[in-house]
Amino acid sequence: MTILRLSDQKITEPYPGVSQRNPAGEATGATQIRVYDAVITPGAEIPYHSHGNTEATYFVLQGDVSAVVADHRVELHSGDLVMAPPGTGHGFSNSGTSEARIVTMFPHTAPDVTHLEPDDTATGDLPDYIVPRSSVEAWTPWDKCTRFDMMNHERGALSTAFSQLDFEPGSMAPPHYHPETEEAMYCIEGSLMAMYGGEEIPFGPGDMFVAEAGVRHTVFNASNELAVLLPLHPTVVPVRELVDWSPTTPMPV
């Protein structure tokens, strides 16, 4: 699959004051995953709804968002995430004074939608699938890379692994392939290089590529600035097979 460039992504308006792009889905050739990138203007909202046939994960890239998830009322900010299990009501409104931006990921290419009315505010502890960034411990999976595992089976996901990877200059994820599942890789900051089937392809903020099952791929940072990636999997524990490959693009020292 070729990289879907930001400039090629169509913008739709599903609700007043909400514009969105669809960088991965059936229209782009994906068979297991769908991704939206939505911008919500101040005061606008994504109404309360549910998806009966899939879970849905929402990651706040920027702004201040008031969310209702399973009738829990929470304030979300940049770096926070919520996952709505199948059939669980959820909705979002921009509670700030500037635009908010949310990346949504479904482990399904055709999520259904049912609009609902929220019930009374839920009480008690927040469920594990409401994830403030402050509750996520960063770790280093390989040299010069920091990882935040935002959603996986440990937080109640059934078929979603959603992470953030911060690539320092000169860092590279181990080349690999997934025998059974796709992986979507969404650049949200900086300049990265993708290896797809042995080809090296530059991509930047708003660009995404999806590696089909069995296709060799990786991502590396050949620039001199930090770059940030969202790797998204339609399974909680993706099977990974490492491959032998080295980039020809010069890497910073």
Protein backbone atom coordinates (compact mmCIF):
# COMPACT_ATOMS: atom_id res chain seq x y z
CA MET A 1 0.00 0.00 0.00
CA THR A 2 1.42 3.40 -0.89
CA ILE A 3 1.53 6.13 1.71
CA LEU A 4 -1.63 8.20 1.86
CA ARG A 5 -0.44 11.79 1.90
CA LEU A 6 -2.12 14.47 3.97
CA SER A 7 -2.75 16.51 0.81
CA ASP A 8 -4.68 13.61 -0.76
CA GLN A 9 -7.03 13.00 2.17
CA LYS A 10 -10.60 14.23 1.64
CA ILE A 11 -12.21 16.36 4.36
CA THR A 12 -15.82 15.68 5.38
CA GLU A 13 -18.09 17.33 8.00
CA PRO A 14 -20.04 14.62 9.84
CA TYR A 15 -21.41 17.10 12.41
CA PRO A 16 -21.60 20.92 12.57
CA GLY A 17 -18.21 22.31 13.54
CA VAL A 18 -16.49 18.93 13.14
CA SER A 19 -14.26 18.23 10.15
CA GLN A 20 -12.48 14.94 9.63
CA ARG A 21 -10.11 13.06 7.38
CA ASN A 22 -10.03 9.28 6.89
CA PRO A 23 -6.37 8.29 6.38
CA ALA A 24 -7.03 4.54 6.61
CA GLY A 25 -10.04 2.43 5.73
CA GLU A 26 -11.67 0.46 2.94
CA ALA A 27 -11.30 3.37 0.52
CA THR A 28 -7.52 3.34 1.00
CA GLY A 29 -7.17 -0.45 0.76
CA ALA A 30 -7.15 -1.37 4.46
CA THR A 31 -8.97 -4.57 5.36
CA GLN A 32 -8.71 -4.65 9.16
CA ILE A 33 -8.47 -1.08 10.42
CA ARG A 34 -10.09 2.34 10.08
CA VAL A 35 -8.68 5.66 11.27
CA TYR A 36 -10.20 9.14 11.46
CA ASP A 37 -8.51 12.44 12.29
CA ALA A 38 -11.13 14.94 13.47
CA VAL A 39 -10.89 18.65 14.25
CA ILE A 40 -13.57 20.01 16.60
CA THR A 41 -14.13 23.76 16.78
CA PRO A 42 -14.86 25.42 20.17
CA GLY A 43 -18.36 24.54 21.34
CA ALA A 44 -18.89 21.83 18.70
CA GLU A 45 -19.47 18.20 19.55
CA ILE A 46 -19.42 14.60 18.39
CA PRO A 47 -22.82 13.43 19.75
CA TYR A 48 -23.20 10.58 22.21
CA HIS A 49 -23.29 7.28 20.30
CA SER A 50 -22.07 3.69 20.31
CA HIS A 51 -20.64 1.09 17.93
CA GLY A 52 -22.22 -2.31 18.36
CA ASN A 53 -19.80 -4.24 16.17
CA THR A 54 -16.45 -2.87 17.34
CA GLU A 55 -14.58 -1.01 20.04
CA ALA A 56 -13.36 2.51 19.29
CA THR A 57 -10.28 4.33 20.58
CA TYR A 58 -9.96 8.12 20.76
CA PHE A 59 -6.63 9.89 21.29
CA VAL A 60 -6.52 13.64 21.95
CA LEU A 61 -3.75 15.20 19.90
CA GLN A 62 -4.48 18.76 20.93
CA GLY A 63 -6.99 20.88 22.79
CA ASP A 64 -9.42 20.47 25.66
CA VAL A 65 -12.24 17.96 25.32
CA SER A 66 -15.19 17.15 27.57
CA ALA A 67 -16.04 13.47 27.16
CA VAL A 68 -18.90 11.25 28.26
CA VAL A 69 -17.92 7.56 28.18
CA ALA A 70 -20.29 4.97 29.67
CA ASP A 71 -21.92 7.98 31.40
CA HIS A 72 -18.65 8.96 33.13
CA ARG A 73 -17.93 12.68 32.63
CA VAL A 74 -14.21 13.42 32.18
CA GLU A 75 -12.03 16.26 30.92
CA LEU A 76 -9.41 15.19 28.39
CA HIS A 77 -6.32 17.03 27.23
CA SER A 78 -3.47 16.48 24.80
CA GLY A 79 -2.06 12.94 25.21
CA ASP A 80 -5.14 11.49 26.95
CA LEU A 81 -7.07 8.54 25.50
CA VAL A 82 -10.36 6.72 25.92
CA MET A 83 -11.53 3.40 24.49
CA ALA A 84 -15.23 2.64 24.18
CA PRO A 85 -15.99 -1.11 24.27
CA PRO A 86 -18.58 -2.42 21.78
CA GLY A 87 -22.02 -1.02 22.55
CA THR A 88 -20.67 1.54 25.04
CA GLY A 89 -21.96 5.09 24.69
CA HIS A 90 -19.47 7.91 24.20
CA GLY A 91 -19.40 11.49 22.97
CA PHE A 92 -17.06 14.48 22.91
CA SER A 93 -17.30 18.27 22.89
CA ASN A 94 -14.67 20.97 22.60
CA SER A 95 -14.62 22.72 25.98
CA GLY A 96 -11.69 24.99 25.14
CA THR A 97 -11.20 28.23 23.23
CA SER A 98 -9.17 26.78 20.36
CA GLU A 99 -9.56 23.82 18.03
CA ALA A 100 -9.32 20.30 19.45
CA ARG A 101 -8.03 17.36 17.43
CA ILE A 102 -8.82 13.69 18.02
CA VAL A 103 -7.46 10.60 16.24
CA THR A 104 -9.97 7.73 16.22
CA MET A 105 -9.03 4.12 15.53
CA PHE A 106 -11.37 1.16 14.89
CA PRO A 107 -10.18 -2.48 14.55
CA HIS A 108 -12.91 -2.79 11.90
CA THR A 109 -13.31 -1.13 8.50
CA ALA A 110 -17.10 -0.66 8.75
CA PRO A 111 -18.12 0.36 12.29
CA ASP A 112 -21.85 0.76 12.79
CA VAL A 113 -23.22 3.81 14.65
CA THR A 114 -26.20 4.15 16.99
CA HIS A 115 -26.97 7.58 18.45
CA LEU A 116 -28.02 7.59 22.11
CA GLU A 117 -29.01 9.87 24.97
CA PRO A 118 -26.67 9.83 28.01
CA ASP A 119 -28.11 8.58 31.30
CA ASP A 120 -27.38 10.07 34.72
CA THR A 121 -23.73 10.66 35.52
CA ALA A 122 -21.97 7.46 36.49
CA THR A 123 -20.32 7.33 39.90
CA GLY A 124 -17.37 5.40 41.27
CA ASP A 125 -13.91 4.81 39.89
CA LEU A 126 -13.23 5.48 36.24
CA PRO A 127 -12.93 2.33 34.11
CA ASP A 128 -9.47 1.27 32.94
CA TYR A 129 -10.28 2.26 29.37
CA ILE A 130 -10.27 5.97 30.29
CA VAL A 131 -6.53 6.66 30.17
CA PRO A 132 -4.94 9.96 31.26
CA ARG A 133 -1.44 10.36 29.87
CA SER A 134 -0.17 10.82 33.44
CA SER A 135 -1.11 7.18 34.16
CA VAL A 136 1.00 5.76 31.32
CA GLU A 137 4.62 4.92 32.07
CA ALA A 138 7.10 5.63 29.29
CA TRP A 139 9.66 2.95 28.41
CA THR A 140 12.48 2.45 25.92
CA PRO A 141 11.88 -0.50 23.56
CA TRP A 142 15.10 0.18 21.62
CA ASP A 143 17.86 2.75 21.51
CA LYS A 144 16.79 6.41 21.31
CA CYS A 145 13.07 5.67 21.18
CA THR A 146 10.42 6.26 23.86
CA ARG A 147 7.15 4.34 23.87
CA PHE A 148 3.80 5.02 25.53
CA ASP A 149 1.42 2.04 25.45
CA MET A 150 -1.91 3.86 25.64
CA MET A 151 -4.33 1.00 24.98
CA ASN A 152 -3.99 -2.78 25.00
CA HIS A 153 -5.44 -5.90 26.65
CA GLU A 154 -4.24 -4.77 30.08
CA ARG A 155 -6.69 -1.84 29.90
CA GLY A 156 -9.60 -3.92 28.65
CA ALA A 157 -9.17 -3.79 24.88
CA LEU A 158 -10.44 -6.75 22.89
CA SER A 159 -8.74 -6.07 19.57
CA THR A 160 -6.80 -2.81 19.80
CA ALA A 161 -3.17 -1.91 20.48
CA PHE A 162 -2.61 1.86 20.36
CA SER A 163 0.80 3.38 21.16
CA GLN A 164 2.88 6.51 20.71
CA LEU A 165 6.53 6.26 19.70
CA ASP A 166 8.91 9.22 20.03
CA PHE A 167 11.85 8.69 17.65
CA GLU A 168 15.01 10.63 18.42
CA PRO A 169 17.33 11.38 15.47
CA GLY A 170 19.04 8.21 14.28
CA SER A 171 16.58 5.77 15.86
CA MET A 172 14.89 2.89 14.05
CA ALA A 173 12.24 0.34 14.94
CA PRO A 174 13.35 -3.27 14.31
CA PRO A 175 12.41 -4.33 10.76
CA HIS A 176 9.62 -6.90 10.90
CA TYR A 177 6.34 -8.15 9.52
CA HIS A 178 3.06 -9.30 11.04
CA PRO A 179 1.94 -12.68 9.65
CA GLU A 180 -1.79 -12.18 10.27
CA THR A 181 -2.58 -8.51 10.84
CA GLU A 182 -2.15 -5.05 9.36
CA GLU A 183 -0.34 -2.21 11.06
CA ALA A 184 -1.22 1.44 10.48
CA MET A 185 1.52 4.01 11.11
CA TYR A 186 0.50 7.65 11.46
CA CYS A 187 3.12 10.40 11.63
CA ILE A 188 1.95 13.26 13.84
CA GLU A 189 5.18 15.24 14.25
CA GLY A 190 8.53 15.55 12.48
CA SER A 191 9.91 13.72 9.45
CA LEU A 192 10.19 9.95 9.26
CA MET A 193 11.25 7.31 6.77
CA ALA A 194 9.12 4.25 6.14
CA MET A 195 10.50 0.95 4.89
CA TYR A 196 7.76 -0.86 3.01
CA GLY A 197 8.67 -4.12 1.29
CA GLY A 198 12.29 -2.96 1.10
CA GLU A 199 11.52 0.48 -0.37
CA GLU A 200 12.43 3.60 1.65
CA ILE A 201 9.77 6.32 1.57
CA PRO A 202 9.74 9.67 3.41
CA PHE A 203 6.58 10.70 5.22
CA GLY A 204 5.60 13.53 7.53
CA PRO A 205 2.82 14.92 9.75
CA GLY A 206 -0.62 13.78 8.62
CA ASP A 207 0.77 11.05 6.34
CA MET A 208 -0.07 7.41 7.01
CA PHE A 209 0.82 4.05 5.58
CA VAL A 210 -0.64 0.63 6.28
CA ALA A 211 1.53 -2.47 6.04
CA GLU A 212 -0.52 -5.50 5.05
CA ALA A 213 -0.05 -8.85 6.76
CA GLY A 214 3.22 -10.43 5.68
CA VAL A 215 4.79 -7.24 4.28
CA ARG A 216 8.22 -6.27 5.65
CA HIS A 217 8.23 -2.79 7.14
CA THR A 218 9.71 -0.46 9.70
CA VAL A 219 10.06 3.24 10.52
CA PHE A 220 13.22 5.23 11.20
CA ASN A 221 14.23 8.82 11.83
CA ALA A 222 16.92 10.02 9.42
CA SER A 223 16.33 13.69 10.33
CA ASN A 224 17.96 15.81 13.02
CA GLU A 225 14.70 16.49 14.88
CA LEU A 226 12.38 14.46 17.10
CA ALA A 227 9.61 12.64 15.22
CA VAL A 228 6.42 11.15 16.68
CA LEU A 229 4.45 8.17 15.36
CA LEU A 230 1.21 6.44 16.29
CA PRO A 231 1.50 2.69 15.51
CA LEU A 232 -1.99 1.15 15.48
CA HIS A 233 -2.85 -2.56 15.49
CA PRO A 234 -6.25 -4.32 15.10
CA THR A 235 -5.25 -6.91 17.70
CA VAL A 236 -4.18 -6.69 21.34
CA VAL A 237 -0.99 -8.71 20.93
CA PRO A 238 0.37 -8.44 17.38
CA VAL A 239 2.58 -11.33 16.32
CA ARG A 240 5.88 -9.94 15.00
CA GLU A 241 8.55 -11.68 12.96
CA LEU A 242 11.90 -9.87 12.72
CA VAL A 243 13.72 -9.57 9.39
CA ASP A 244 17.26 -8.64 8.39
CA TRP A 245 17.34 -5.20 6.76
CA SER A 246 19.40 -1.99 6.99
CA PRO A 247 18.55 1.44 5.56
CA THR A 248 20.49 2.97 2.69
CA THR A 249 19.33 6.47 3.66
CA PRO A 250 22.10 8.17 5.65
CA MET A 251 21.38 8.33 9.38
CA PRO A 252 22.49 11.18 11.66
CA VAL A 253 25.45 10.42 13.87
